[in-house]
Protein backbone atom coordinates (compact mmCIF):
# COMPACT_ATOMS: atom_id res chain seq x y z
CA MET A 1 126.59 116.00 98.12
CA ASN A 2 129.48 113.35 97.78
CA LEU A 3 129.31 110.43 96.22
CA LYS A 4 128.43 108.56 99.38
CA THR A 5 125.47 111.00 100.18
CA ILE A 6 124.21 110.66 96.92
CA ARG A 7 124.15 106.86 96.84
CA GLU A 8 122.36 106.89 100.39
CA LYS A 9 119.50 109.30 98.74
CA ILE A 10 119.23 106.75 96.28
CA LYS A 11 119.02 103.91 98.50
CA ASN A 12 116.70 105.52 100.66
CA VAL A 13 113.90 106.51 97.96
CA SER A 14 114.34 102.99 96.12
CA ASP A 15 113.84 101.40 99.55
CA TYR A 16 116.66 99.07 98.98
CA SER A 17 119.93 99.63 101.07
CA PRO A 18 122.02 96.33 101.02
CA GLU A 19 125.54 96.48 102.47
CA VAL A 20 126.71 94.80 99.68
CA LEU A 21 130.25 96.23 97.89
CA ALA A 22 128.99 94.78 94.47
CA TYR A 23 125.80 96.48 95.05
CA ASP A 24 127.38 99.62 95.78
CA ASN A 25 129.85 99.31 93.03
CA GLN A 26 127.12 98.93 90.60
CA MET A 27 125.00 102.04 92.27
CA ASP A 28 128.28 103.93 91.80
CA SER A 29 128.45 103.39 88.03
CA ILE A 30 124.73 104.19 87.66
CA ILE A 31 125.64 107.40 89.36
CA ASN A 32 128.59 108.47 87.05
CA ASP A 33 126.48 107.57 83.99
CA ALA A 34 123.75 109.96 85.55
CA TYR A 35 126.52 112.24 86.17
CA TYR A 36 127.60 112.64 82.76
CA SER A 37 124.10 112.52 81.03
CA ILE A 38 123.30 115.68 82.93
CA TRP A 39 126.60 117.11 82.36
CA THR A 40 126.37 116.97 78.50
CA GLU A 41 122.75 117.75 78.51
CA ARG A 42 123.19 121.45 77.85
CA ARG A 43 126.28 123.86 77.50
CA TRP A 44 126.47 124.60 81.11
CA GLU A 45 128.50 127.85 81.94
CA PHE A 46 129.91 125.71 84.53
CA ALA A 47 131.14 122.95 82.30
CA GLN A 48 133.78 125.40 80.74
CA LYS A 49 137.55 125.86 81.12
CA LEU A 50 139.48 128.37 80.39
CA ALA A 51 143.22 127.92 79.75
CA PHE A 52 145.91 129.06 77.45
CA LEU A 53 147.22 127.21 74.42
CA ASN A 54 151.00 127.65 73.97
CA VAL A 55 151.90 127.80 70.04
CA TYR A 56 155.48 127.36 68.97
CA PRO A 57 157.68 128.87 66.19
CA ASP A 58 159.19 126.84 63.53
CA VAL A 59 162.89 125.22 64.59
CA THR A 60 165.09 125.30 61.98
CA SER A 61 169.20 125.15 61.58
CA ALA A 62 169.65 128.68 61.43
CA ARG A 63 167.49 129.11 64.79
CA THR A 64 169.52 126.35 66.50
CA GLY A 65 172.93 128.02 65.65
CA GLY A 66 173.51 125.96 62.25
CA ILE A 67 172.96 122.57 63.66
CA THR A 68 172.64 120.03 60.72
CA ALA A 69 170.54 117.08 59.79
CA SER A 70 171.73 113.80 58.38
CA THR A 71 169.49 111.08 56.59
CA ASN A 72 170.17 107.99 54.70
CA ASP A 73 168.43 107.12 51.64
CA GLY A 74 165.42 104.81 52.36
CA GLN A 75 165.55 105.02 55.55
CA ARG A 76 163.39 106.92 58.60
CA ILE A 77 165.86 108.26 60.45
CA VAL A 78 167.24 111.77 61.10
CA THR A 79 170.24 112.26 63.15
CA PHE A 80 170.89 115.92 64.16
CA SER A 81 174.84 116.91 64.41
CA ALA A 82 173.88 118.24 68.28
CA ALA A 83 171.45 118.40 70.73
CA VAL A 84 168.20 120.24 69.61
CA ASN A 85 167.15 121.65 72.65
CA ALA A 86 163.39 121.95 71.71
CA LEU A 87 163.39 118.11 71.32
CA HIS A 88 164.04 117.35 75.29
CA GLU A 89 162.17 114.53 76.55
CA THR A 90 159.56 116.58 78.44
CA ASN A 91 158.56 118.67 75.02
CA GLU A 92 158.00 115.44 72.98
CA HIS A 93 154.42 116.22 73.25
CA ILE A 94 154.90 119.44 70.99
CA TRP A 95 156.31 117.51 68.26
CA VAL A 96 155.23 113.95 68.18
CA GLY A 97 152.68 113.86 65.47
CA ASN A 98 153.89 117.14 63.67
CA ILE A 99 156.11 118.26 60.52
CA PHE A 100 159.58 117.63 59.83
CA GLU A 101 160.45 119.13 56.41
CA ILE A 102 163.83 118.23 54.76
CA ALA A 103 164.50 118.96 51.33
CA GLY A 104 161.48 120.62 50.58
CA ARG A 105 159.30 117.75 51.50
CA GLU A 106 157.21 116.92 54.57
CA TYR A 107 157.34 113.97 56.94
CA THR A 108 155.30 113.41 60.09
CA ILE A 109 157.50 112.77 63.43
CA VAL A 110 156.54 109.38 64.76
CA LYS A 111 159.21 109.29 67.75
CA VAL A 112 161.52 111.64 69.64
CA VAL A 113 164.38 109.19 70.31
CA SER A 114 166.60 111.72 71.72
CA GLN A 115 167.72 115.58 71.47
CA THR A 116 169.73 114.28 68.45
CA VAL A 117 167.47 111.63 66.92
CA ILE A 118 164.17 111.44 65.51
CA THR A 119 162.07 108.88 63.47
CA VAL A 120 159.43 110.07 60.71
CA ASP A 121 156.50 107.97 59.07
CA GLU A 122 158.01 107.22 55.80
CA VAL A 123 161.43 106.71 54.21
CA ILE A 124 163.31 109.70 53.16
CA ARG A 125 164.36 109.87 49.57
CA HIS A 126 167.27 111.65 48.32
CA THR A 127 166.65 113.00 44.72
CA ALA A 128 170.17 112.83 43.81
CA GLY A 129 170.21 109.05 44.74
CA THR A 130 173.04 109.16 47.33
CA ALA A 131 172.81 107.02 49.90
CA THR A 132 173.83 109.28 52.75
CA ILE A 133 173.37 112.84 52.86
CA ALA A 134 175.03 114.54 55.98
CA GLY A 135 175.37 118.20 57.02
CA GLN A 136 171.82 119.39 55.65
CA THR A 137 170.55 122.84 56.75
CA ASP A 138 167.61 123.05 54.80
CA TRP A 139 165.71 121.26 57.51
CA LYS A 140 162.48 122.50 59.40
CA ILE A 141 160.34 121.21 62.47
CA LYS A 142 156.86 122.75 62.34
CA SER A 143 154.16 122.77 65.00
CA ARG A 144 151.18 122.81 62.44
CA PHE A 145 148.91 120.82 64.57
CA TYR A 146 147.84 121.16 68.25
CA HIS A 147 146.42 118.61 70.26
CA MET A 148 143.74 119.72 72.63
CA PRO A 149 143.48 118.83 76.26
CA HIS A 150 142.57 115.35 77.33
CA ASP A 151 139.23 116.47 79.00
CA MET A 152 137.78 118.53 75.92
CA ILE A 153 134.49 117.77 74.64
CA GLU A 154 134.13 120.75 72.43
CA ILE A 155 136.04 123.97 71.48
CA PHE A 156 134.32 127.27 72.24
CA ASN A 157 136.96 129.76 71.59
CA LEU A 158 140.49 130.22 70.61
CA ALA A 159 141.80 133.72 70.61
CA HIS A 160 144.74 136.14 70.88
CA ARG A 161 144.41 138.43 73.91
CA ASP A 162 146.29 141.03 75.23
CA ALA A 163 147.27 138.61 78.25
CA PRO A 164 149.56 137.65 78.73
CA VAL A 165 151.95 139.53 76.27
CA PRO A 166 155.25 141.21 77.62
CA ALA A 167 154.95 144.86 77.94
CA ASN A 168 151.85 145.00 75.58
CA THR A 169 154.24 144.59 72.62
CA GLY A 170 151.74 142.64 70.62
CA PRO A 171 148.29 143.94 69.31
CA ASN A 172 145.21 142.52 70.43
CA GLN A 173 144.44 140.31 67.75
CA GLY A 174 141.10 138.85 69.11
CA LYS A 175 139.28 135.81 68.47
CA ALA A 176 140.42 133.19 65.51
CA ALA A 177 137.39 131.72 63.25
CA GLY A 178 136.48 128.32 63.63
CA LEU A 179 136.59 126.44 60.40
CA ALA A 180 135.17 123.19 59.62
CA ARG A 181 137.30 121.00 57.44
CA ARG A 182 134.91 121.08 54.57
CA ARG A 183 134.91 124.98 54.37
CA GLU A 184 138.60 125.03 54.78
CA GLU A 185 138.90 122.85 51.85
CA ASP A 186 136.70 124.89 49.72
CA LEU A 187 138.56 128.02 50.55
CA ASN A 188 141.89 126.32 49.63
CA LEU A 189 143.71 127.77 52.30
CA ARG A 190 147.45 127.11 51.99
CA GLU A 191 148.56 124.80 54.70
CA ASP A 192 152.20 126.25 54.81
CA GLU A 193 150.99 129.80 55.34
CA THR A 194 152.87 131.38 58.42
CA SER A 195 152.21 134.64 60.40
CA ASN A 196 152.72 136.07 63.69
CA TYR A 197 148.93 135.75 64.72
CA ALA A 198 146.33 133.08 63.62
CA ASP A 199 143.29 134.32 61.96
CA ALA A 200 141.43 131.08 62.11
CA TYR A 201 141.63 127.56 63.16
CA VAL A 202 140.47 124.33 61.59
CA THR A 203 139.55 121.26 63.12
CA ILE A 204 141.10 118.28 61.83
CA PRO A 205 141.11 114.66 62.26
CA PRO A 206 142.10 113.47 65.73
CA ILE A 207 144.88 111.09 66.55
CA ILE A 208 143.82 107.79 68.61
CA ILE A 209 146.15 106.02 70.99
CA PRO A 210 145.40 102.43 71.20
CA SER A 211 144.32 100.62 74.38
CA GLY A 212 146.73 98.69 76.51
CA GLU A 213 146.02 94.94 75.91
CA LYS A 214 147.23 92.36 78.66
CA LEU A 215 149.44 92.29 81.82
CA THR A 216 150.95 89.72 84.07
CA MET A 217 152.96 90.03 87.15
CA ALA A 218 155.85 88.31 88.74
CA ALA A 219 157.64 88.56 92.17
CA THR A 220 161.24 87.81 93.02
CA SER A 221 162.40 87.49 96.07
CA VAL A 222 165.51 89.58 97.61
CA GLY A 223 165.91 88.09 100.82
CA GLY A 224 164.82 88.78 104.36
CA SER A 225 165.50 92.48 104.16
CA PRO A 226 164.04 95.20 102.55
CA THR A 227 166.23 97.21 100.12
CA ASP A 228 165.84 100.18 97.57
CA VAL A 229 165.24 97.50 94.76
CA GLY A 230 163.07 94.99 96.61
CA SER A 231 160.86 96.00 99.62
CA PHE A 232 157.32 94.79 99.18
CA PRO A 233 156.34 92.38 102.08
CA ALA A 234 155.31 88.95 101.95
CA GLY A 235 151.47 87.91 101.48
CA LYS A 236 150.01 91.11 100.03
CA TYR A 237 147.89 91.74 97.38
CA TYR A 238 148.59 94.65 94.70
CA GLU A 239 146.47 95.39 91.40
CA PHE A 240 148.15 96.73 88.25
CA CYS A 241 147.11 97.97 84.40
CA TRP A 242 148.85 99.95 81.91
CA ALA A 243 148.24 102.19 79.40
CA ASN A 244 149.81 103.20 75.86
CA THR A 245 151.41 106.96 75.61
CA SER A 246 152.65 108.98 72.84
CA GLY A 247 153.76 112.38 73.32
CA GLY A 248 152.42 112.40 76.60
CA ARG A 249 149.18 111.47 75.46
CA MET A 250 147.16 108.35 77.21
CA GLY A 251 145.27 105.59 75.37
CA PRO A 252 142.46 103.51 77.31
CA LEU A 253 143.67 100.96 80.28
CA SER A 254 144.65 97.62 79.95
CA GLU A 255 142.97 94.18 81.39
CA PRO A 256 143.97 94.83 85.39
CA ALA A 257 146.41 91.87 86.84
CA THR A 258 146.31 91.13 90.41
CA ILE A 259 149.55 89.45 92.47
CA GLN A 260 150.16 88.35 95.65
CA THR A 261 153.61 88.20 97.40
CA PRO A 262 154.36 84.96 98.16
CA ALA A 263 154.27 84.09 102.26
CA GLY A 264 157.00 83.77 104.56
CA SER A 265 159.57 86.58 105.83
CA ASN A 266 161.35 87.43 102.72
CA TYR A 267 160.58 90.60 100.73
CA PHE A 268 160.12 91.03 96.89
CA LYS A 269 160.49 93.21 93.84
CA LEU A 270 157.74 93.07 91.06
CA THR A 271 157.95 92.64 87.31
CA ALA A 272 155.19 93.72 84.89
CA SER A 273 155.49 92.10 81.58
CA PHE A 274 153.19 93.65 78.90
CA LEU A 275 151.39 91.14 76.35
CA THR A 276 149.32 91.40 73.53
CA TRP A 277 145.66 89.90 73.47
CA ASP A 278 146.90 86.42 72.17
CA ASP A 279 149.73 86.33 74.80
CA GLN A 280 152.63 87.84 72.72
CA VAL A 281 155.33 89.89 73.73
CA TYR A 282 153.97 93.86 73.64
CA ASN A 283 156.74 95.68 72.35
CA ALA A 284 158.46 97.57 69.03
CA ARG A 285 161.46 96.29 67.35
CA ALA A 286 164.58 98.03 68.53
CA LEU A 287 165.67 101.14 66.54
CA ASN A 288 168.58 100.81 64.47
CA ASN A 289 169.55 102.79 61.26
CA THR A 290 168.08 99.81 58.89
CA ILE A 291 164.69 100.39 59.64
CA ILE A 292 162.86 100.92 56.47
CA GLY A 293 159.03 101.07 55.34
CA ALA A 294 156.08 102.23 57.19
CA PRO A 295 156.72 102.39 61.16
CA ARG A 296 156.46 98.80 63.24
CA PRO A 297 153.60 98.05 65.29
CA GLN A 298 153.84 99.54 68.78
CA GLU A 299 156.68 101.95 67.51
CA GLY A 300 156.32 105.28 69.21
CA LEU A 301 154.10 103.99 71.96
CA ASP A 302 155.72 103.78 75.45
CA LYS A 303 153.87 102.44 78.47
CA ILE A 304 152.73 103.98 81.76
CA LEU A 305 152.12 101.50 84.70
CA TYR A 306 149.44 102.12 87.09
CA TYR A 307 148.24 100.70 90.48
CA ASN A 308 144.91 100.61 91.99
CA ALA A 309 144.81 102.82 95.10
CA ASN A 310 141.41 101.81 96.22
CA PHE A 311 142.37 98.12 96.84
CA ASP A 312 142.76 96.19 99.92
CA PRO A 313 146.37 94.54 100.24
CA VAL A 314 145.21 92.27 102.80
CA THR A 315 142.52 90.79 101.40
CA GLY A 316 143.11 91.14 97.62
CA ALA A 317 139.59 92.96 97.23
CA ARG A 318 138.54 96.24 95.75
CA ARG A 319 136.96 98.69 98.32
CA GLY A 320 135.37 100.01 95.31
CA LEU A 321 135.56 101.57 91.77
CA PRO A 322 138.91 101.29 90.72
CA LYS A 323 141.13 104.48 91.39
CA TRP A 324 144.23 104.26 88.99
CA ARG A 325 147.54 106.26 90.03
CA ALA A 326 150.71 106.17 88.22
CA VAL A 327 153.62 104.03 89.24
CA THR A 328 156.43 106.35 90.06
CA ASP A 329 159.99 105.87 89.12
CA PHE A 330 161.45 105.59 92.84
CA ASN A 331 164.92 104.75 92.39
CA ARG A 332 165.14 106.39 88.78
CA ALA A 333 168.78 106.58 87.69
CA GLY A 334 170.00 105.86 90.92
CA THR A 335 168.50 108.56 92.83
CA ARG A 336 165.48 109.50 94.63
CA ASN A 337 165.40 113.12 93.03
CA ASN A 338 162.93 111.93 90.53
CA GLU A 339 160.64 109.73 92.84
CA ASP A 340 157.38 111.72 91.79
CA MET A 341 157.79 110.91 87.95
CA PRO A 342 155.92 108.06 86.53
CA ILE A 343 157.79 104.89 85.34
CA LEU A 344 157.72 105.59 81.65
CA VAL A 345 158.29 102.27 79.61
CA PRO A 346 160.00 102.75 76.63
CA ASP A 347 158.16 101.01 73.45
CA THR A 348 161.12 98.55 72.82
CA ASN A 349 160.78 97.38 76.24
CA SER A 350 158.21 94.53 77.05
CA ALA A 351 158.66 94.59 81.03
CA ALA A 352 159.02 97.13 83.92
CA LEU A 353 160.60 96.95 87.29
CA ILE A 354 158.67 97.99 90.37
CA SER A 355 161.14 98.28 92.72
CA HIS A 356 159.63 99.44 96.26
CA PRO A 357 156.44 100.19 97.97
CA GLN A 358 157.02 103.87 97.62
CA CYS A 359 156.69 103.76 93.85
CA LEU A 360 153.02 103.15 94.98
CA GLN A 361 152.53 106.82 96.14
CA VAL A 362 149.08 108.05 97.16
CA GLY A 363 149.59 111.43 95.56
CA SER A 364 151.03 110.37 91.81
CA PRO A 365 149.08 111.58 88.78
CA ALA A 366 145.67 109.59 88.48
CA TYR A 367 144.56 108.16 85.63
CA THR A 368 141.44 110.12 83.71
CA GLU A 369 139.16 108.16 81.97
CA ASN A 370 139.30 108.67 78.17
CA ASP A 371 138.70 107.01 74.84
CA GLY A 372 142.46 107.53 73.61
CA VAL A 373 140.93 110.15 71.09
CA TYR A 374 142.65 113.52 70.89
CA GLN A 375 141.34 116.33 69.12
CA ARG A 376 143.31 118.53 67.04
CA VAL A 377 143.50 122.03 65.49
CA ARG A 378 145.43 123.85 62.96
CA PRO A 379 145.80 127.71 63.23
CA TYR A 380 145.73 129.09 60.04
CA PRO A 381 147.94 130.83 59.10
CA ARG A 382 150.89 128.80 61.01
CA ILE A 383 152.10 130.81 64.10
CA ASP A 384 155.81 131.49 63.63
CA SER A 385 156.60 133.52 66.22
CA GLN A 386 157.11 133.97 70.06
CA ASP A 387 156.18 136.23 73.01
CA PHE A 388 158.39 134.43 75.36
CA SER A 389 162.08 133.05 74.95
CA TYR A 390 163.67 131.19 77.81
CA PRO A 391 167.05 129.51 77.54
CA GLU A 392 167.81 126.20 78.50
CA ASN A 393 170.05 126.21 81.72
CA PHE A 394 170.59 124.51 85.09
CA ASP A 395 169.32 125.93 88.34
CA THR A 396 171.15 124.57 91.40
CA PHE A 397 169.05 123.57 94.38
CA PRO A 398 170.33 121.98 97.50
CA GLY A 399 171.62 118.54 96.33
CA THR A 400 170.98 118.43 93.04
CA ALA A 401 170.80 120.71 89.72
CA VAL A 402 167.33 120.84 87.95
CA LEU A 403 167.41 121.32 84.30
CA ARG A 404 165.37 124.41 82.83
CA LEU A 405 164.29 123.83 79.57
CA GLU A 406 164.37 126.00 76.35
CA GLU A 407 161.36 127.37 75.83
CA LYS A 408 159.93 129.58 73.13
CA PHE A 409 156.19 130.21 72.46
CA ARG A 410 153.31 132.35 71.82
CA GLN A 411 149.85 131.64 74.05
CA MET A 412 146.43 131.72 72.93
CA GLU A 413 143.35 131.90 75.28
CA LEU A 414 141.35 128.51 74.74
CA ARG A 415 137.98 128.13 76.19
CA TYR A 416 136.37 124.80 76.02
CA PHE A 417 133.85 122.29 77.22
CA PHE A 418 135.15 119.61 79.55
CA LYS A 419 134.76 116.40 80.89
CA PRO A 420 134.67 116.13 84.73
CA PRO A 421 136.47 112.88 86.43
CA MET A 422 134.54 110.04 87.75
CA LEU A 423 133.07 109.90 91.45
CA ILE A 424 135.03 106.92 92.77
CA ASN A 425 135.88 107.81 96.39
CA ARG A 426 133.24 108.25 98.89
CA THR A 427 134.15 111.85 99.24
CA ASP A 428 134.17 113.09 95.64
CA THR A 429 132.01 115.70 94.48
CA PRO A 430 130.31 116.45 91.61
CA GLN A 431 132.04 119.78 89.81
CA MET A 432 128.64 121.43 89.41
CA PRO A 433 126.80 123.77 91.68
CA PHE A 434 125.04 122.10 94.55
CA GLU A 435 121.63 122.31 92.96
CA PHE A 436 122.39 119.82 90.34
CA HIS A 437 123.09 117.30 92.73
CA GLN A 438 119.95 116.43 93.34
CA LEU A 439 119.39 116.07 89.41
CA ILE A 440 122.07 113.36 89.52
CA VAL A 441 119.85 111.44 92.14
CA PHE A 442 116.58 111.84 89.91
CA LYS A 443 118.55 110.82 86.84
CA ALA A 444 119.83 107.70 88.70
CA LEU A 445 116.52 106.80 89.90
CA GLU A 446 114.94 107.08 86.38
CA ASP A 447 117.81 104.62 85.40
CA ILE A 448 117.16 102.12 88.22
CA PHE A 449 113.33 101.83 87.82
CA ILE A 450 113.81 101.36 84.20
CA LYS A 451 116.15 98.53 84.70
CA SER A 452 113.76 97.04 87.59
CA GLY A 453 110.67 97.29 84.88
CA SER A 454 108.87 100.41 87.06
CA VAL A 455 107.83 102.19 84.12
CA GLY A 456 105.60 104.40 86.39
CA LEU A 457 108.35 105.42 88.71
CA ALA A 458 110.73 105.91 85.86
CA ASN A 459 108.47 108.29 84.14
CA HIS A 460 108.11 110.30 87.08
CA TYR A 461 111.77 110.97 88.28
CA ALA A 462 112.38 111.78 84.58
CA LYS A 463 109.70 114.21 84.42
CA ARG A 464 111.14 115.56 88.02
CA CYS A 465 114.75 115.76 86.18
CA MET A 466 113.47 117.44 83.23
CA ILE A 467 111.36 120.10 85.31
CA GLU A 468 114.50 120.98 87.16
CA ILE A 469 116.90 121.30 84.07
CA LYS A 470 114.47 123.75 82.77
CA LYS A 471 115.04 125.68 85.86
CA ALA A 472 118.78 125.47 85.95
CA GLU A 473 118.78 126.55 82.28
CA LYS A 474 117.68 130.17 83.55
CA ARG A 475 120.97 130.52 85.44
CA TYR A 476 123.82 128.34 84.01
CA ILE A 477 123.05 128.28 80.26
CA ALA A 478 125.56 129.51 78.04
CA HIS A 479 123.95 131.67 75.82
CA THR A 480 125.05 132.74 72.35
CA ASP A 481 126.89 135.95 72.06
CA VAL A 482 125.10 138.53 69.67
CA ASN A 483 126.66 141.72 68.67
CA TYR A 484 123.94 144.17 67.45
CA ARG A 485 124.63 146.56 64.82
CA ARG A 486 122.82 149.87 63.93
CA GLY A 487 122.30 151.42 60.56
CA GLN A 488 121.29 150.72 56.99
CA PHE A 489 121.69 147.25 55.27
CA MET A 490 124.19 147.77 52.25
CA GLY A 491 125.01 151.21 53.30
CA GLY A 492 128.70 151.21 53.77
CA GLN A 493 130.56 150.89 57.21
CA THR A 494 128.20 151.46 60.01
CA SER A 495 129.81 149.51 62.95
CA ALA A 496 130.86 151.38 65.83
CA TRP A 497 134.33 151.34 67.09
CA PHE A 498 134.95 150.53 70.93
CA ASN A 499 137.35 151.78 73.50
CA PRO A 500 138.41 148.58 74.77
CA ASP A 501 139.24 150.15 78.41
CA THR A 502 135.78 151.84 78.89
CA LEU A 503 133.64 150.00 76.38
CA SER A 504 132.08 153.75 75.18
CA THR A 505 131.59 153.86 71.57
CA SER A 506 134.43 156.01 69.46
CA GLY A 507 132.95 156.36 66.10
């Protein structure tokens, strides 16, 4: 069943089916609440994802061909003598929140300004008291922490498997043991221990990306002819919002803002201005080499604009629950080669230009509901090796040259309990077996009858829901794996070794 079918079934049972948009929106919210309630009821096998987690070796002066670092005493800026390929903008998510070490002391990377400049979380001090030290080679960028996918609820497994490993060059290390922070502290595991493979992983405090706040929109006329920098027609409505992003990780959405282009025959370009809750300009202080102390408010928080794809431009009314999609950079750098890239507003900017209706592409990345909390793990030991190494180069395609980034990494297999996207469009279907779709109806009816005070009917559908869940458990529950061992207790080595190709015992 899709969202429309689920909604119609609920209306049929409740014997109340007004064709009112506000009621349908309320109904869709109840359906999504029921959907997530059933989804998180058990550790369902269909609610698990299998993915690869890339882990990265350290970046050092020796590994970059002798690139040096320069720092100023009492300041937070690090300047490299040449471009560090690993710091390309598309790799920013790897390094923000990770460790920069220089002269034996560690700092946390706040922002990757460019491939030659980064900022850290506290001022760098020179033990010799020198104001400026240039040409330092004793620096290191460490990927100690790894951010989990935004849709992760719970991690189940992190392991070194034999796929993919080039030509079977690496051993099959198997599963890494999960350690709680308290246990890791009791074991006093060294934080800077390195190895080719991780034996365990430690769950560490998450990072939190703050929500967007307020937004204002303005329309500026470009005359009676559409152009690449102004082609929005007169008298149309649009709805926008924005979210903070740091290292590619999104925070919750801001308050939405609606704009109508003025009536007439002219065309317009749109400007979005970012504000705080108290109507102050939302941006960080411009970067310069006099920054001292702790990071400034909004530093390292870029912004991404979103438009509501489920919005009527003629009436200015929503067609249902909002479907937020990224506003793309149609005229980025004077070309259209990157028109599918979202507009990324730097942390120092407080406004963004939306130049053309083609910035509002139907297929642009959709915003996934999240609370801005990103789980992290620390592999132990820290992995300082690689299975794959690709140099940075350019590939030429018709009309353009495409940069292929330098990549050095090892892959671990990640299995986790994920959160599905909301049901917004009428044709959206729950990401669960069809047997569960009726459960959503039962759970939603339970909530509706509780709200209306019909306790008897609410209890009836609560019981039906539980009966069906018990049935589903037999087919879809994720049981705990158990390894059985034969032999005497305390009698020495009695475990059997298995042939990985046949699963037959070999001793």
